[in-house]
Structures are given as structure tokens and as C-alpha cells.
Amino acid sequence: MRKLALFTLAFSAFIAPATADDSDNRSDETEQVIPPAIVDGQVDPMATEPLDLSEIQITTKTPADEFITATTPLLVALMLGSVGLVVFTLVSQSKKDAAQLD
């Protein structure tokens, strides 16, 4: 198994440069410049709408805090299910061992 791993590593070291994408070295590519967008005389079309102050929420929670708050019950349920399966497996194995001893 160790020989196979070493062979695979050596093979990938020799074959990787051959299969690498050399698109940076191609001379037939042309550079395209995208012009700035032209809006029909409008500076900011969304600036004409007033702000609705009732929709603004000021909070100290970050998006990571909201994610943790939302996923904590799921993680607790998965942990309890895993512990339950481990306990069930250990109890069922101990019953089989006790039955074999009798």
C-alpha cells in the first residue's frame, strides 16, 4: 500500500506540469476593454425613492450571530441523535454478549 501511494505521488508530480493550463502564455488572445455603462442622463435611478425608516433595524448582531442562532437547535438535535445511536449500539451489543455467556 505504501508503494502504491509513493508511486501515485511520484506519477502526479511528473504529470501535473504537463496537464497544467498554460493560457497565460498564449499569444493569440486579445484583451477586451469594457466601456463604462451609459445611463440615459440619470445619475442614480434609486436616489429618487425616499427611505422608509420603519424598515430600518439597528442591531448588534452580525450575520454570523444570526447563523449560529438559527442552526444551534439543529446541531443539538443531531448531537443527541448521535449519542442516542451510540448508547443504543452499546446496549444492544452488551445484551448479545450477555446472551452468549448464558
PDB file of N, CA and C in Angstrom:
ATOM      1  N   MET A   1       0.821  -1.183   0.000  1.00  0.00           N
ATOM      2  CA  MET A   1       0.000   0.000   0.000  1.00  0.00           C
ATOM      3  C   MET A   1       0.870   1.253   0.000  1.00  0.00           C
ATOM      4  N   ARG A   2       1.957   1.219   0.736  1.00  0.00           N
ATOM      5  CA  ARG A   2       2.858   2.364   0.801  1.00  0.00           C
ATOM      6  C   ARG A   2       3.531   2.589  -0.556  1.00  0.00           C
ATOM      7  N   LYS A   3       3.867   1.487  -1.241  1.00  0.00           N
ATOM      8  CA  LYS A   3       4.495   1.610  -2.551  1.00  0.00           C
ATOM      9  C   LYS A   3       3.532   2.240  -3.553  1.00  0.00           C
ATOM     10  N   LEU A   4       2.255   1.840  -3.450  1.00  0.00           N
ATOM     11  CA  LEU A   4       1.242   2.392  -4.345  1.00  0.00           C
ATOM     12  C   LEU A   4       1.080   3.902  -4.102  1.00  0.00           C
ATOM     13  N   ALA A   5       1.085   4.303  -2.847  1.00  0.00           N
ATOM     14  CA  ALA A   5       0.956   5.722  -2.533  1.00  0.00           C
ATOM     15  C   ALA A   5       2.162   6.505  -3.040  1.00  0.00           C
ATOM     16  N   LEU A   6       3.347   5.980  -2.854  1.00  0.00           N
ATOM     17  CA  LEU A   6       4.543   6.657  -3.332  1.00  0.00           C
ATOM     18  C   LEU A   6       4.563   6.739  -4.856  1.00  0.00           C
ATOM     19  N   PHE A   7       4.126   5.654  -5.521  1.00  0.00           N
ATOM     20  CA  PHE A   7       4.068   5.651  -6.980  1.00  0.00           C
ATOM     21  C   PHE A   7       3.073   6.698  -7.478  1.00  0.00           C
ATOM     22  N   THR A   8       1.908   6.778  -6.827  1.00  0.00           N
ATOM     23  CA  THR A   8       0.893   7.749  -7.226  1.00  0.00           C
ATOM     24  C   THR A   8       1.386   9.170  -7.021  1.00  0.00           C
ATOM     25  N   LEU A   9       2.065   9.413  -5.914  1.00  0.00           N
ATOM     26  CA  LEU A   9       2.604  10.737  -5.645  1.00  0.00           C
ATOM     27  C   LEU A   9       3.664  11.127  -6.666  1.00  0.00           C
ATOM     28  N   ALA A  10       4.557  10.201  -6.976  1.00  0.00           N
ATOM     29  CA  ALA A  10       5.600  10.479  -7.958  1.00  0.00           C
ATOM     30  C   ALA A  10       5.001  10.689  -9.355  1.00  0.00           C
ATOM     31  N   PHE A  11       4.013   9.870  -9.699  1.00  0.00           N
ATOM     32  CA  PHE A  11       3.357   9.993 -11.001  1.00  0.00           C
ATOM     33  C   PHE A  11       2.663  11.340 -11.132  1.00  0.00           C
ATOM     34  N   SER A  12       1.977  11.776 -10.060  1.00  0.00           N
ATOM     35  CA  SER A  12       1.269  13.050 -10.130  1.00  0.00           C
ATOM     36  C   SER A  12       2.248  14.222 -10.176  1.00  0.00           C
ATOM     37  N   ALA A  13       3.419  14.065  -9.574  1.00  0.00           N
ATOM     38  CA  ALA A  13       4.405  15.142  -9.609  1.00  0.00           C
ATOM     39  C   ALA A  13       4.952  15.327 -11.033  1.00  0.00           C
ATOM     40  N   PHE A  14       5.077  14.242 -11.782  1.00  0.00           N
ATOM     41  CA  PHE A  14       5.591  14.350 -13.146  1.00  0.00           C
ATOM     42  C   PHE A  14       4.510  14.716 -14.152  1.00  0.00           C
ATOM     43  N   ILE A  15       3.273  14.297 -13.904  1.00  0.00           N
ATOM     44  CA  ILE A  15       2.221  14.524 -14.881  1.00  0.00           C
ATOM     45  C   ILE A  15       1.543  15.878 -14.692  1.00  0.00           C
ATOM     46  N   ALA A  16       1.589  16.474 -13.489  1.00  0.00           N
ATOM     47  CA  ALA A  16       0.896  17.734 -13.220  1.00  0.00           C
ATOM     48  C   ALA A  16       1.402  18.886 -14.091  1.00  0.00           C
ATOM     49  N   PRO A  17       2.709  19.079 -14.268  1.00  0.00           N
ATOM     50  CA  PRO A  17       3.135  20.183 -15.136  1.00  0.00           C
ATOM     51  C   PRO A  17       2.714  20.001 -16.592  1.00  0.00           C
ATOM     52  N   ALA A  18       2.579  18.765 -17.018  1.00  0.00           N
ATOM     53  CA  ALA A  18       2.200  18.523 -18.405  1.00  0.00           C
ATOM     54  C   ALA A  18       0.736  18.856 -18.656  1.00  0.00           C
ATOM     55  N   THR A  19      -0.101  18.696 -17.646  1.00  0.00           N
ATOM     56  CA  THR A  19      -1.529  18.954 -17.821  1.00  0.00           C
ATOM     57  C   THR A  19      -1.938  20.331 -17.351  1.00  0.00           C
ATOM     58  N   ALA A  20      -1.002  21.137 -16.884  1.00  0.00           N
ATOM     59  CA  ALA A  20      -1.335  22.474 -16.387  1.00  0.00           C
ATOM     60  C   ALA A  20      -1.827  23.353 -17.535  1.00  0.00           C
ATOM     61  N   ASP A  21      -2.709  24.269 -17.213  1.00  0.00           N
ATOM     62  CA  ASP A  21      -3.266  25.172 -18.209  1.00  0.00           C
ATOM     63  C   ASP A  21      -2.277  26.309 -18.431  1.00  0.00           C
ATOM     64  N   ASP A  22      -1.808  26.432 -19.632  1.00  0.00           N
ATOM     65  CA  ASP A  22      -0.839  27.480 -19.945  1.00  0.00           C
ATOM     66  C   ASP A  22      -1.496  28.591 -20.751  1.00  0.00           C
ATOM     67  N   SER A  23      -2.701  28.985 -20.346  1.00  0.00           N
ATOM     68  CA  SER A  23      -3.406  30.017 -21.094  1.00  0.00           C
ATOM     69  C   SER A  23      -2.754  31.384 -20.933  1.00  0.00           C
ATOM     70  N   ASP A  24      -1.928  31.573 -19.892  1.00  0.00           N
ATOM     71  CA  ASP A  24      -1.249  32.855 -19.724  1.00  0.00           C
ATOM     72  C   ASP A  24      -0.177  33.065 -20.793  1.00  0.00           C
ATOM     73  N   ASN A  25       0.322  32.002 -21.361  1.00  0.00           N
ATOM     74  CA  ASN A  25       1.412  32.098 -22.325  1.00  0.00           C
ATOM     75  C   ASN A  25       0.936  32.152 -23.771  1.00  0.00           C
ATOM     76  N   ARG A  26      -0.349  32.130 -24.008  1.00  0.00           N
ATOM     77  CA  ARG A  26      -0.858  32.153 -25.377  1.00  0.00           C
ATOM     78  C   ARG A  26      -0.766  33.563 -25.940  1.00  0.00           C
ATOM     79  N   SER A  27      -0.325  33.669 -27.164  1.00  0.00           N
ATOM     80  CA  SER A  27      -0.180  34.983 -27.783  1.00  0.00           C
ATOM     81  C   SER A  27      -1.369  35.344 -28.671  1.00  0.00           C
ATOM     82  N   ASP A  28      -2.291  34.390 -28.925  1.00  0.00           N
ATOM     83  CA  ASP A  28      -3.411  34.670 -29.805  1.00  0.00           C
ATOM     84  C   ASP A  28      -4.606  35.287 -29.067  1.00  0.00           C
ATOM     85  N   GLU A  29      -4.506  35.464 -27.761  1.00  0.00           N
ATOM     86  CA  GLU A  29      -5.596  36.064 -27.012  1.00  0.00           C
ATOM     87  C   GLU A  29      -5.512  37.583 -27.129  1.00  0.00           C
ATOM     88  N   THR A  30      -6.687  38.209 -27.148  1.00  0.00           N
ATOM     89  CA  THR A  30      -6.730  39.668 -27.209  1.00  0.00           C
ATOM     90  C   THR A  30      -7.369  40.205 -25.936  1.00  0.00           C
ATOM     91  N   GLU A  31      -6.957  41.356 -25.541  1.00  0.00           N
ATOM     92  CA  GLU A  31      -7.504  41.971 -24.344  1.00  0.00           C
ATOM     93  C   GLU A  31      -8.696  42.819 -24.735  1.00  0.00           C
ATOM     94  N   GLN A  32      -9.819  42.621 -24.031  1.00  0.00           N
ATOM     95  CA  GLN A  32     -11.026  43.371 -24.321  1.00  0.00           C
ATOM     96  C   GLN A  32     -11.264  44.373 -23.197  1.00  0.00           C
ATOM     97  N   VAL A  33     -11.534  45.578 -23.570  1.00  0.00           N
ATOM     98  CA  VAL A  33     -11.826  46.626 -22.605  1.00  0.00           C
ATOM     99  C   VAL A  33     -13.321  46.897 -22.656  1.00  0.00           C
ATOM    100  N   ILE A  34     -13.954  46.804 -21.495  1.00  0.00           N
ATOM    101  CA  ILE A  34     -15.395  47.037 -21.420  1.00  0.00           C
ATOM    102  C   ILE A  34     -15.618  48.508 -21.099  1.00  0.00           C
ATOM    103  N   PRO A  35     -16.360  49.217 -21.942  1.00  0.00           N
ATOM    104  CA  PRO A  35     -16.581  50.651 -21.691  1.00  0.00           C
ATOM    105  C   PRO A  35     -17.531  50.842 -20.510  1.00  0.00           C
ATOM    106  N   PRO A  36     -17.498  52.015 -19.889  1.00  0.00           N
ATOM    107  CA  PRO A  36     -18.426  52.276 -18.780  1.00  0.00           C
ATOM    108  C   PRO A  36     -19.863  52.319 -19.278  1.00  0.00           C
ATOM    109  N   ALA A  37     -20.774  51.933 -18.425  1.00  0.00           N
ATOM    110  CA  ALA A  37     -22.182  51.899 -18.804  1.00  0.00           C
ATOM    111  C   ALA A  37     -22.727  53.318 -18.919  1.00  0.00           C
ATOM    112  N   ILE A  38     -23.583  53.501 -19.883  1.00  0.00           N
ATOM    113  CA  ILE A  38     -24.173  54.815 -20.091  1.00  0.00           C
ATOM    114  C   ILE A  38     -25.639  54.726 -19.690  1.00  0.00           C
ATOM    115  N   VAL A  39     -26.023  55.531 -18.703  1.00  0.00           N
ATOM    116  CA  VAL A  39     -27.414  55.596 -18.278  1.00  0.00           C
ATOM    117  C   VAL A  39     -27.989  56.868 -18.882  1.00  0.00           C
ATOM    118  N   ASP A  40     -29.222  56.809 -19.320  1.00  0.00           N
ATOM    119  CA  ASP A  40     -29.838  57.927 -20.050  1.00  0.00           C
ATOM    120  C   ASP A  40     -29.948  59.182 -19.194  1.00  0.00           C
ATOM    121  N   GLY A  41     -28.836  59.822 -18.916  1.00  0.00           N
ATOM    122  CA  GLY A  41     -28.855  61.074 -18.182  1.00  0.00           C
ATOM    123  C   GLY A  41     -29.165  60.935 -16.706  1.00  0.00           C
ATOM    124  N   GLN A  42     -29.353  59.733 -16.204  1.00  0.00           N
ATOM    125  CA  GLN A  42     -29.690  59.530 -14.805  1.00  0.00           C
ATOM    126  C   GLN A  42     -28.422  59.261 -14.014  1.00  0.00           C
ATOM    127  N   VAL A  43     -28.272  59.949 -12.941  1.00  0.00           N
ATOM    128  CA  VAL A  43     -27.113  59.737 -12.092  1.00  0.00           C
ATOM    129  C   VAL A  43     -27.332  58.519 -11.211  1.00  0.00           C
ATOM    130  N   ASP A  44     -28.451  58.464 -10.509  1.00  0.00           N
ATOM    131  CA  ASP A  44     -28.779  57.336  -9.644  1.00  0.00           C
ATOM    132  C   ASP A  44     -30.288  57.147  -9.665  1.00  0.00           C
ATOM    133  N   PRO A  45     -30.785  56.157 -10.392  1.00  0.00           N
ATOM    134  CA  PRO A  45     -32.242  55.999 -10.501  1.00  0.00           C
ATOM    135  C   PRO A  45     -32.911  55.653  -9.170  1.00  0.00           C
ATOM    136  N   MET A  46     -32.178  55.046  -8.229  1.00  0.00           N
ATOM    137  CA  MET A  46     -32.771  54.662  -6.947  1.00  0.00           C
ATOM    138  C   MET A  46     -32.764  55.822  -5.945  1.00  0.00           C
ATOM    139  N   ALA A  47     -32.092  56.914  -6.234  1.00  0.00           N
ATOM    140  CA  ALA A  47     -31.991  58.026  -5.296  1.00  0.00           C
ATOM    141  C   ALA A  47     -33.293  58.794  -5.170  1.00  0.00           C
ATOM    142  N   THR A  48     -34.223  58.634  -6.088  1.00  0.00           N
ATOM    143  CA  THR A  48     -35.474  59.386  -6.024  1.00  0.00           C
ATOM    144  C   THR A  48     -36.456  58.779  -5.035  1.00  0.00           C
ATOM    145  N   GLU A  49     -36.269  57.524  -4.634  1.00  0.00           N
ATOM    146  CA  GLU A  49     -37.183  56.886  -3.691  1.00  0.00           C
ATOM    147  C   GLU A  49     -36.792  57.261  -2.268  1.00  0.00           C
ATOM    148  N   PRO A  50     -37.753  57.700  -1.461  1.00  0.00           N
ATOM    149  CA  PRO A  50     -37.420  58.057  -0.078  1.00  0.00           C
ATOM    150  C   PRO A  50     -37.180  56.803   0.771  1.00  0.00           C
ATOM    151  N   LEU A  51     -36.426  56.975   1.844  1.00  0.00           N
ATOM    152  CA  LEU A  51     -36.163  55.874   2.757  1.00  0.00           C
ATOM    153  C   LEU A  51     -37.358  55.646   3.665  1.00  0.00           C
ATOM    154  N   ASP A  52     -37.699  54.368   3.872  1.00  0.00           N
ATOM    155  CA  ASP A  52     -38.755  54.018   4.812  1.00  0.00           C
ATOM    156  C   ASP A  52     -38.077  53.704   6.147  1.00  0.00           C
ATOM    157  N   LEU A  53     -38.165  54.620   7.090  1.00  0.00           N
ATOM    158  CA  LEU A  53     -37.462  54.477   8.355  1.00  0.00           C
ATOM    159  C   LEU A  53     -38.015  53.349   9.224  1.00  0.00           C
ATOM    160  N   SER A  54     -39.245  52.906   8.964  1.00  0.00           N
ATOM    161  CA  SER A  54     -39.804  51.821   9.774  1.00  0.00           C
ATOM    162  C   SER A  54     -39.170  50.473   9.425  1.00  0.00           C
ATOM    163  N   GLU A  55     -38.545  50.359   8.249  1.00  0.00           N
ATOM    164  CA  GLU A  55     -37.910  49.104   7.851  1.00  0.00           C
ATOM    165  C   GLU A  55     -36.461  48.993   8.308  1.00  0.00           C
ATOM    166  N   ILE A  56     -35.895  50.053   8.842  1.00  0.00           N
ATOM    167  CA  ILE A  56     -34.500  50.035   9.279  1.00  0.00           C
ATOM    168  C   ILE A  56     -34.423  49.402  10.654  1.00  0.00           C
ATOM    169  N   GLN A  57     -33.567  48.395  10.789  1.00  0.00           N
ATOM    170  CA  GLN A  57     -33.363  47.710  12.070  1.00  0.00           C
ATOM    171  C   GLN A  57     -31.935  47.931  12.516  1.00  0.00           C
ATOM    172  N   ILE A  58     -31.781  48.431  13.725  1.00  0.00           N
ATOM    173  CA  ILE A  58     -30.454  48.626  14.282  1.00  0.00           C
ATOM    174  C   ILE A  58     -30.221  47.520  15.295  1.00  0.00           C
ATOM    175  N   THR A  59     -29.184  46.740  15.082  1.00  0.00           N
ATOM    176  CA  THR A  59     -28.890  45.609  15.956  1.00  0.00           C
ATOM    177  C   THR A  59     -27.385  45.454  16.086  1.00  0.00           C
ATOM    178  N   THR A  60     -26.985  44.762  17.122  1.00  0.00           N
ATOM    179  CA  THR A  60     -25.558  44.491  17.311  1.00  0.00           C
ATOM    180  C   THR A  60     -25.197  43.098  16.827  1.00  0.00           C
ATOM    181  N   LYS A  61     -26.175  42.368  16.319  1.00  0.00           N
ATOM    182  CA  LYS A  61     -25.911  41.018  15.820  1.00  0.00           C
ATOM    183  C   LYS A  61     -25.253  41.081  14.449  1.00  0.00           C
ATOM    184  N   THR A  62     -24.259  40.242  14.281  1.00  0.00           N
ATOM    185  CA  THR A  62     -23.627  40.102  12.977  1.00  0.00           C
ATOM    186  C   THR A  62     -24.319  38.972  12.229  1.00  0.00           C
ATOM    187  N   PRO A  63     -24.100  38.827  10.924  1.00  0.00           N
ATOM    188  CA  PRO A  63     -24.682  37.686  10.206  1.00  0.00           C
ATOM    189  C   PRO A  63     -24.228  36.339  10.781  1.00  0.00           C
ATOM    190  N   ALA A  64     -23.009  36.275  11.313  1.00  0.00           N
ATOM    191  CA  ALA A  64     -22.549  35.022  11.918  1.00  0.00           C
ATOM    192  C   ALA A  64     -23.352  34.704  13.175  1.00  0.00           C
ATOM    193  N   ASP A  65     -23.692  35.722  13.961  1.00  0.00           N
ATOM    194  CA  ASP A  65     -24.513  35.504  15.150  1.00  0.00           C
ATOM    195  C   ASP A  65     -25.895  34.995  14.771  1.00  0.00           C
ATOM    196  N   GLU A  66     -26.470  35.550  13.731  1.00  0.00           N
ATOM    197  CA  GLU A  66     -27.789  35.097  13.281  1.00  0.00           C
ATOM    198  C   GLU A  66     -27.731  33.659  12.773  1.00  0.00           C
ATOM    199  N   PHE A  67     -26.654  33.300  12.094  1.00  0.00           N
ATOM    200  CA  PHE A  67     -26.497  31.937  11.593  1.00  0.00           C
ATOM    201  C   PHE A  67     -26.398  30.953  12.755  1.00  0.00           C
ATOM    202  N   ILE A  68     -25.600  31.281  13.761  1.00  0.00           N
ATOM    203  CA  ILE A  68     -25.448  30.393  14.918  1.00  0.00           C
ATOM    204  C   ILE A  68     -26.765  30.249  15.654  1.00  0.00           C
ATOM    205  N   THR A  69     -27.495  31.337  15.798  1.00  0.00           N
ATOM    206  CA  THR A  69     -28.786  31.285  16.475  1.00  0.00           C
ATOM    207  C   THR A  69     -29.760  30.380  15.718  1.00  0.00           C
ATOM    208  N   ALA A  70     -29.713  30.414  14.419  1.00  0.00           N
ATOM    209  CA  ALA A  70     -30.632  29.613  13.617  1.00  0.00           C
ATOM    210  C   ALA A  70     -30.242  28.140  13.587  1.00  0.00           C
ATOM    211  N   THR A  71     -28.954  27.829  13.612  1.00  0.00           N
ATOM    212  CA  THR A  71     -28.532  26.435  13.451  1.00  0.00           C
ATOM    213  C   THR A  71     -28.271  25.698  14.757  1.00  0.00           C
ATOM    214  N   THR A  72     -28.266  26.384  15.892  1.00  0.00           N
ATOM    215  CA  THR A  72     -27.988  25.718  17.169  1.00  0.00           C
ATOM    216  C   THR A  72     -28.993  24.608  17.475  1.00  0.00           C
ATOM    217  N   PRO A  73     -30.302  24.813  17.333  1.00  0.00           N
ATOM    218  CA  PRO A  73     -31.225  23.702  17.614  1.00  0.00           C
ATOM    219  C   PRO A  73     -30.980  22.476  16.725  1.00  0.00           C
ATOM    220  N   LEU A  74     -30.635  22.713  15.486  1.00  0.00           N
ATOM    221  CA  LEU A  74     -30.358  21.597  14.586  1.00  0.00           C
ATOM    222  C   LEU A  74     -29.124  20.826  15.045  1.00  0.00           C
ATOM    223  N   LEU A  75     -28.077  21.551  15.423  1.00  0.00           N
ATOM    224  CA  LEU A  75     -26.855  20.890  15.873  1.00  0.00           C
ATOM    225  C   LEU A  75     -27.074  20.126  17.168  1.00  0.00           C
ATOM    226  N   VAL A  76     -27.872  20.673  18.078  1.00  0.00           N
ATOM    227  CA  VAL A  76     -28.171  19.969  19.330  1.00  0.00           C
ATOM    228  C   VAL A  76     -28.961  18.696  19.043  1.00  0.00           C
ATOM    229  N   ALA A  77     -29.920  18.770  18.135  1.00  0.00           N
ATOM    230  CA  ALA A  77     -30.702  17.584  17.787  1.00  0.00           C
ATOM    231  C   ALA A  77     -29.824  16.515  17.141  1.00  0.00           C
ATOM    232  N   LEU A  78     -28.923  16.915  16.250  1.00  0.00           N
ATOM    233  CA  LEU A  78     -28.016  15.947  15.626  1.00  0.00           C
ATOM    234  C   LEU A  78     -27.079  15.313  16.652  1.00  0.00           C
ATOM    235  N   MET A  79     -26.604  16.109  17.608  1.00  0.00           N
ATOM    236  CA  MET A  79     -25.721  15.575  18.640  1.00  0.00           C
ATOM    237  C   MET A  79     -26.472  14.577  19.515  1.00  0.00           C
ATOM    238  N   LEU A  80     -27.686  14.917  19.927  1.00  0.00           N
ATOM    239  CA  LEU A  80     -28.458  13.992  20.759  1.00  0.00           C
ATOM    240  C   LEU A  80     -28.805  12.713  19.997  1.00  0.00           C
ATOM    241  N   GLY A  81     -29.088  12.834  18.712  1.00  0.00           N
ATOM    242  CA  GLY A  81     -29.351  11.637  17.915  1.00  0.00           C
ATOM    243  C   GLY A  81     -28.124  10.755  17.806  1.00  0.00           C
ATOM    244  N   SER A  82     -26.960  11.352  17.638  1.00  0.00           N
ATOM    245  CA  SER A  82     -25.725  10.570  17.562  1.00  0.00           C
ATOM    246  C   SER A  82     -25.428   9.876  18.883  1.00  0.00           C
ATOM    247  N   VAL A  83     -25.587  10.599  19.978  1.00  0.00           N
ATOM    248  CA  VAL A  83     -25.359   9.989  21.294  1.00  0.00           C
ATOM    249  C   VAL A  83     -26.366   8.874  21.536  1.00  0.00           C
ATOM    250  N   GLY A  84     -27.605   9.085  21.125  1.00  0.00           N
ATOM    251  CA  GLY A  84     -28.624   8.039  21.272  1.00  0.00           C
ATOM    252  C   GLY A  84     -28.274   6.790  20.488  1.00  0.00           C
ATOM    253  N   LEU A  85     -27.761   6.959  19.270  1.00  0.00           N
ATOM    254  CA  LEU A  85     -27.365   5.788  18.479  1.00  0.00           C
ATOM    255  C   LEU A  85     -26.189   5.055  19.103  1.00  0.00           C
ATOM    256  N   VAL A  86     -25.240   5.793  19.672  1.00  0.00           N
ATOM    257  CA  VAL A  86     -24.101   5.150  20.335  1.00  0.00           C
ATOM    258  C   VAL A  86     -24.572   4.361  21.547  1.00  0.00           C
ATOM    259  N   VAL A  87     -25.446   4.952  22.355  1.00  0.00           N
ATOM    260  CA  VAL A  87     -25.969   4.259  23.540  1.00  0.00           C
ATOM    261  C   VAL A  87     -26.763   3.033  23.112  1.00  0.00           C
ATOM    262  N   PHE A  88     -27.595   3.159  22.100  1.00  0.00           N
ATOM    263  CA  PHE A  88     -28.378   2.020  21.612  1.00  0.00           C
ATOM    264  C   PHE A  88     -27.469   0.890  21.140  1.00  0.00           C
ATOM    265  N   THR A  89     -26.422   1.241  20.410  1.00  0.00           N
ATOM    266  CA  THR A  89     -25.491   0.223  19.918  1.00  0.00           C
ATOM    267  C   THR A  89     -24.775  -0.467  21.062  1.00  0.00           C
ATOM    268  N   LEU A  90     -24.321   0.287  22.039  1.00  0.00           N
ATOM    269  CA  LEU A  90     -23.619  -0.316  23.178  1.00  0.00           C
ATOM    270  C   LEU A  90     -24.543  -1.209  23.982  1.00  0.00           C
ATOM    271  N   VAL A  91     -25.789  -0.794  24.198  1.00  0.00           N
ATOM    272  CA  VAL A  91     -26.738  -1.610  24.961  1.00  0.00           C
ATOM    273  C   VAL A  91     -27.077  -2.886  24.201  1.00  0.00           C
ATOM    274  N   SER A  92     -27.307  -2.772  22.901  1.00  0.00           N
ATOM    275  CA  SER A  92     -27.655  -3.973  22.133  1.00  0.00           C
ATOM    276  C   SER A  92     -26.475  -4.944  22.052  1.00  0.00           C
ATOM    277  N   GLN A  93     -25.246  -4.426  21.987  1.00  0.00           N
ATOM    278  CA  GLN A  93     -24.075  -5.304  21.960  1.00  0.00           C
ATOM    279  C   GLN A  93     -23.870  -5.978  23.319  1.00  0.00           C
ATOM    280  N   SER A  94     -24.135  -5.251  24.403  1.00  0.00           N
ATOM    281  CA  SER A  94     -23.968  -5.860  25.726  1.00  0.00           C
ATOM    282  C   SER A  94     -25.019  -6.936  25.962  1.00  0.00           C
ATOM    283  N   LYS A  95     -26.229  -6.762  25.407  1.00  0.00           N
ATOM    284  CA  LYS A  95     -27.265  -7.797  25.530  1.00  0.00           C
ATOM    285  C   LYS A  95     -26.856  -9.043  24.754  1.00  0.00           C
ATOM    286  N   LYS A  96     -26.253  -8.863  23.560  1.00  0.00           N
ATOM    287  CA  LYS A  96     -25.803 -10.017  22.778  1.00  0.00           C
ATOM    288  C   LYS A  96     -24.678 -10.750  23.507  1.00  0.00           C
ATOM    289  N   ASP A  97     -23.774 -10.003  24.120  1.00  0.00           N
ATOM    290  CA  ASP A  97     -22.670 -10.627  24.852  1.00  0.00           C
ATOM    291  C   ASP A  97     -23.182 -11.360  26.086  1.00  0.00           C
ATOM    292  N   ALA A  98     -24.180 -10.793  26.763  1.00  0.00           N
ATOM    293  CA  ALA A  98     -24.745 -11.436  27.939  1.00  0.00           C
ATOM    294  C   ALA A  98     -25.506 -12.698  27.536  1.00  0.00           C
ATOM    295  N   ALA A  99     -26.163 -12.677  26.391  1.00  0.00           N
ATOM    296  CA  ALA A  99     -26.903 -13.859  25.931  1.00  0.00           C
ATOM    297  C   ALA A  99     -25.943 -14.964  25.524  1.00  0.00           C
ATOM    298  N   GLN A 100     -24.790 -14.632  24.998  1.00  0.00           N
ATOM    299  CA  GLN A 100     -23.813 -15.645  24.600  1.00  0.00           C
ATOM    300  C   GLN A 100     -23.143 -16.283  25.806  1.00  0.00           C
ATOM    301  N   LEU A 101     -23.023 -15.560  26.901  1.00  0.00           N
ATOM    302  CA  LEU A 101     -22.401 -16.093  28.100  1.00  0.00           C
ATOM    303  C   LEU A 101     -23.313 -17.084  28.811  1.00  0.00           C
ATOM    304  N   ASP A 102     -24.619 -16.936  28.659  1.00  0.00           N
ATOM    305  CA  ASP A 102     -25.546 -17.861  29.333  1.00  0.00           C
ATOM    306  C   ASP A 102     -25.615 -19.182  28.694  1.00  0.00           C
TER     307      ASP A 102
END
